[in-house]
Amino acid sequence: MRTWLDRLYEAAGWLAALFMIGTLVFVLLGIFGRLFGFHVRGTDAYAGYCMAACGFLALAYTLRRNEHIRVTLLLSHVPPAARKALEVWCHVLAVALAGILAFYCVRLAWQSHTFNDISTGNDATPLWIPQLAMAFGTVILCIAFVDAFVAVLRDGHKQEAADEPARIE
């Protein structure tokens, strides 16, 4: 299970990187279009879609690598029993919030598909297509938070990335 989850987070990170490259391509296409007198419809919208996909798909990968900002000032000054209780409480809250976010993002993409919702820009893209990346990213983030929560219950501390020690912010 650990290998499968790590591959899922890694794949999401690679997809985020590809969408970041897509953002660059669409921005450059828009710039060169203005410089050389041609116009490609929707480059601004597609750059925005790629940027959103990059941000949402990178969430779980970033969480797994302990790159999210954590305020550890309180945790470092409480006894170990209270520290575990605070970690459990924070992870329960994180799982709940990530679950709610994932539910509504999936629902938004589904409703956009059902209602044939399209972009109001000149690209007229069906909105469920770019919303899929947001939905997948939040579902993977929820899975990552459940994974971290199980690690806290099992080990008593946040699960560390296998190849990198935790940093204290």
Protein backbone atom coordinates (compact mmCIF):
# COMPACT_ATOMS: atom_id res chain seq x y z
CA MET A 1 0.00 0.00 0.00
CA ARG A 2 2.85 2.38 0.87
CA THR A 3 4.43 1.91 -2.56
CA TRP A 4 1.12 2.53 -4.32
CA LEU A 5 0.45 5.71 -2.35
CA ASP A 6 3.97 7.03 -2.94
CA ARG A 7 3.56 6.39 -6.67
CA LEU A 8 0.20 8.20 -6.63
CA TYR A 9 1.73 11.27 -4.95
CA GLU A 10 4.73 11.15 -7.28
CA ALA A 11 2.49 10.88 -10.36
CA ALA A 12 0.45 13.86 -9.17
CA GLY A 13 3.68 15.82 -8.73
CA TRP A 14 4.82 14.96 -12.24
CA LEU A 15 1.44 15.93 -13.67
CA ALA A 16 1.69 19.24 -11.81
CA ALA A 17 5.10 19.79 -13.40
CA LEU A 18 3.67 19.06 -16.86
CA PHE A 19 0.86 21.53 -16.29
CA MET A 20 3.44 24.11 -15.19
CA ILE A 21 5.21 23.57 -18.51
CA GLY A 22 1.81 23.93 -20.20
CA THR A 23 1.35 27.28 -18.46
CA LEU A 24 4.70 28.40 -19.83
CA VAL A 25 3.84 27.22 -23.34
CA PHE A 26 0.51 29.07 -23.41
CA VAL A 27 2.00 32.27 -21.99
CA LEU A 28 4.83 32.17 -24.53
CA LEU A 29 2.37 31.44 -27.32
CA GLY A 30 0.39 34.53 -26.34
CA ILE A 31 3.53 36.67 -26.16
CA PHE A 32 4.90 35.48 -29.49
CA GLY A 33 1.46 35.87 -31.04
CA ARG A 34 1.41 39.53 -30.08
CA LEU A 35 5.00 40.04 -31.27
CA PHE A 36 4.55 38.34 -34.64
CA GLY A 37 0.97 39.34 -35.37
CA PHE A 38 -1.00 36.13 -35.00
CA HIS A 39 -3.68 35.22 -32.47
CA VAL A 40 -4.42 31.87 -30.87
CA ARG A 41 -7.80 31.91 -29.16
CA GLY A 42 -7.91 31.07 -25.50
CA THR A 43 -4.21 31.18 -24.61
CA ASP A 44 -4.91 33.25 -21.48
CA ALA A 45 -7.69 30.91 -20.38
CA TYR A 46 -5.63 27.78 -21.07
CA ALA A 47 -2.66 29.23 -19.19
CA GLY A 48 -4.99 29.80 -16.24
CA TYR A 49 -6.40 26.27 -16.48
CA CYS A 50 -2.88 24.85 -16.50
CA MET A 51 -1.87 26.99 -13.54
CA ALA A 52 -4.87 25.84 -11.51
CA ALA A 53 -4.19 22.21 -12.42
CA CYS A 54 -0.56 22.63 -11.39
CA GLY A 55 -1.52 24.06 -8.02
CA PHE A 56 -4.14 21.46 -7.16
CA LEU A 57 -2.18 18.44 -8.39
CA ALA A 58 0.91 19.50 -6.44
CA LEU A 59 -0.89 19.64 -3.07
CA ALA A 60 -0.55 15.97 -2.08
CA TYR A 61 3.01 15.70 -3.36
CA THR A 62 3.96 18.79 -1.37
CA LEU A 63 2.25 17.45 1.76
CA ARG A 64 4.04 14.11 1.49
CA ARG A 65 7.42 15.84 1.16
CA ASN A 66 6.73 17.99 4.26
CA GLU A 67 6.88 21.20 2.24
CA HIS A 68 3.62 22.68 3.54
CA ILE A 69 4.09 25.36 6.14
CA ARG A 70 3.42 24.07 9.64
CA VAL A 71 3.50 26.14 12.78
CA THR A 72 5.30 23.90 15.25
CA LEU A 73 5.86 26.48 17.99
CA LEU A 74 2.97 25.18 20.10
CA LEU A 75 3.74 21.52 19.41
CA SER A 76 7.36 21.90 20.48
CA HIS A 77 6.39 23.30 23.89
CA VAL A 78 3.78 20.80 25.04
CA PRO A 79 4.26 17.42 26.72
CA PRO A 80 4.33 14.35 24.45
CA ALA A 81 0.80 13.23 25.36
CA ALA A 82 -0.64 16.65 24.54
CA ARG A 83 1.47 16.76 21.38
CA LYS A 84 -0.06 13.51 20.15
CA ALA A 85 -3.57 14.75 20.99
CA LEU A 86 -2.93 18.01 19.11
CA GLU A 87 -1.50 16.14 16.11
CA VAL A 88 -4.53 13.82 16.04
CA TRP A 89 -6.94 16.76 16.32
CA CYS A 90 -5.16 18.69 13.56
CA HIS A 91 -5.16 15.65 11.27
CA VAL A 92 -8.85 14.94 11.92
CA LEU A 93 -9.60 18.55 11.01
CA ALA A 94 -7.36 18.35 7.91
CA VAL A 95 -9.01 15.12 6.72
CA ALA A 96 -12.46 16.64 7.23
CA LEU A 97 -11.61 19.85 5.39
CA ALA A 98 -9.83 18.03 2.55
CA GLY A 99 -12.78 15.63 2.27
CA ILE A 100 -15.26 18.48 2.06
CA LEU A 101 -13.09 20.28 -0.50
CA ALA A 102 -12.73 17.10 -2.58
CA PHE A 103 -16.46 16.39 -2.43
CA TYR A 104 -17.40 19.85 -3.66
CA CYS A 105 -14.70 19.95 -6.34
CA VAL A 106 -15.84 16.59 -7.74
CA ARG A 107 -19.44 17.77 -7.53
CA LEU A 108 -18.59 21.00 -9.35
CA ALA A 109 -16.90 19.11 -12.21
CA TRP A 110 -19.83 16.67 -12.41
CA GLN A 111 -22.39 19.47 -12.47
CA SER A 112 -20.44 21.36 -15.12
CA HIS A 113 -20.47 18.23 -17.24
CA THR A 114 -24.17 17.59 -16.61
CA PHE A 115 -25.22 21.15 -17.41
CA ASN A 116 -22.80 21.49 -20.35
CA ASP A 117 -21.25 24.55 -18.71
CA ILE A 118 -18.74 26.27 -20.98
CA SER A 119 -16.21 29.04 -20.50
CA THR A 120 -17.47 32.56 -21.09
CA GLY A 121 -14.21 33.45 -22.82
CA ASN A 122 -13.58 33.19 -26.52
CA ASP A 123 -12.23 29.65 -26.09
CA ALA A 124 -15.67 28.17 -25.19
CA THR A 125 -14.06 25.24 -23.35
CA PRO A 126 -16.37 22.86 -21.50
CA LEU A 127 -15.51 23.75 -17.90
CA TRP A 128 -15.60 20.19 -16.59
CA ILE A 129 -12.36 19.47 -18.46
CA PRO A 130 -10.14 21.92 -16.52
CA GLN A 131 -12.14 21.23 -13.35
CA LEU A 132 -11.12 17.56 -13.51
CA ALA A 133 -7.56 18.42 -12.51
CA MET A 134 -8.88 20.36 -9.53
CA ALA A 135 -11.11 17.44 -8.54
CA PHE A 136 -8.33 14.86 -8.91
CA GLY A 137 -5.90 17.06 -6.99
CA THR A 138 -8.25 17.51 -4.05
CA VAL A 139 -9.14 13.80 -3.94
CA ILE A 140 -5.44 12.90 -3.88
CA LEU A 141 -4.87 15.53 -1.17
CA CYS A 142 -7.64 13.96 0.91
CA ILE A 143 -6.02 10.55 0.47
CA ALA A 144 -2.68 12.04 1.55
CA PHE A 145 -4.23 13.54 4.68
CA VAL A 146 -5.85 10.20 5.55
CA ASP A 147 -2.44 8.58 5.02
CA ALA A 148 -0.79 11.13 7.34
CA PHE A 149 -3.59 10.69 9.91
CA VAL A 150 -3.10 6.92 9.97
CA ALA A 151 0.64 7.49 10.43
CA VAL A 152 -0.02 9.80 13.38
CA LEU A 153 -2.30 7.22 14.99
CA ARG A 154 0.17 4.41 14.36
CA ASP A 155 3.48 6.14 15.05
CA GLY A 156 2.51 9.18 17.07
CA HIS A 157 4.06 11.66 14.67
CA LYS A 158 3.56 13.02 11.21
CA GLN A 159 4.80 10.61 8.58
CA GLU A 160 8.09 11.73 7.12
CA ALA A 161 9.05 11.51 3.50
CA ALA A 162 11.21 8.46 3.01
CA ASP A 163 14.12 10.34 1.46
CA GLU A 164 14.03 13.63 3.34
CA PRO A 165 14.08 14.53 7.04
CA ALA A 166 11.41 16.81 8.41
CA ARG A 167 12.25 20.49 8.70
CA ILE A 168 11.14 22.60 11.61
CA GLU A 169 9.68 25.91 10.56
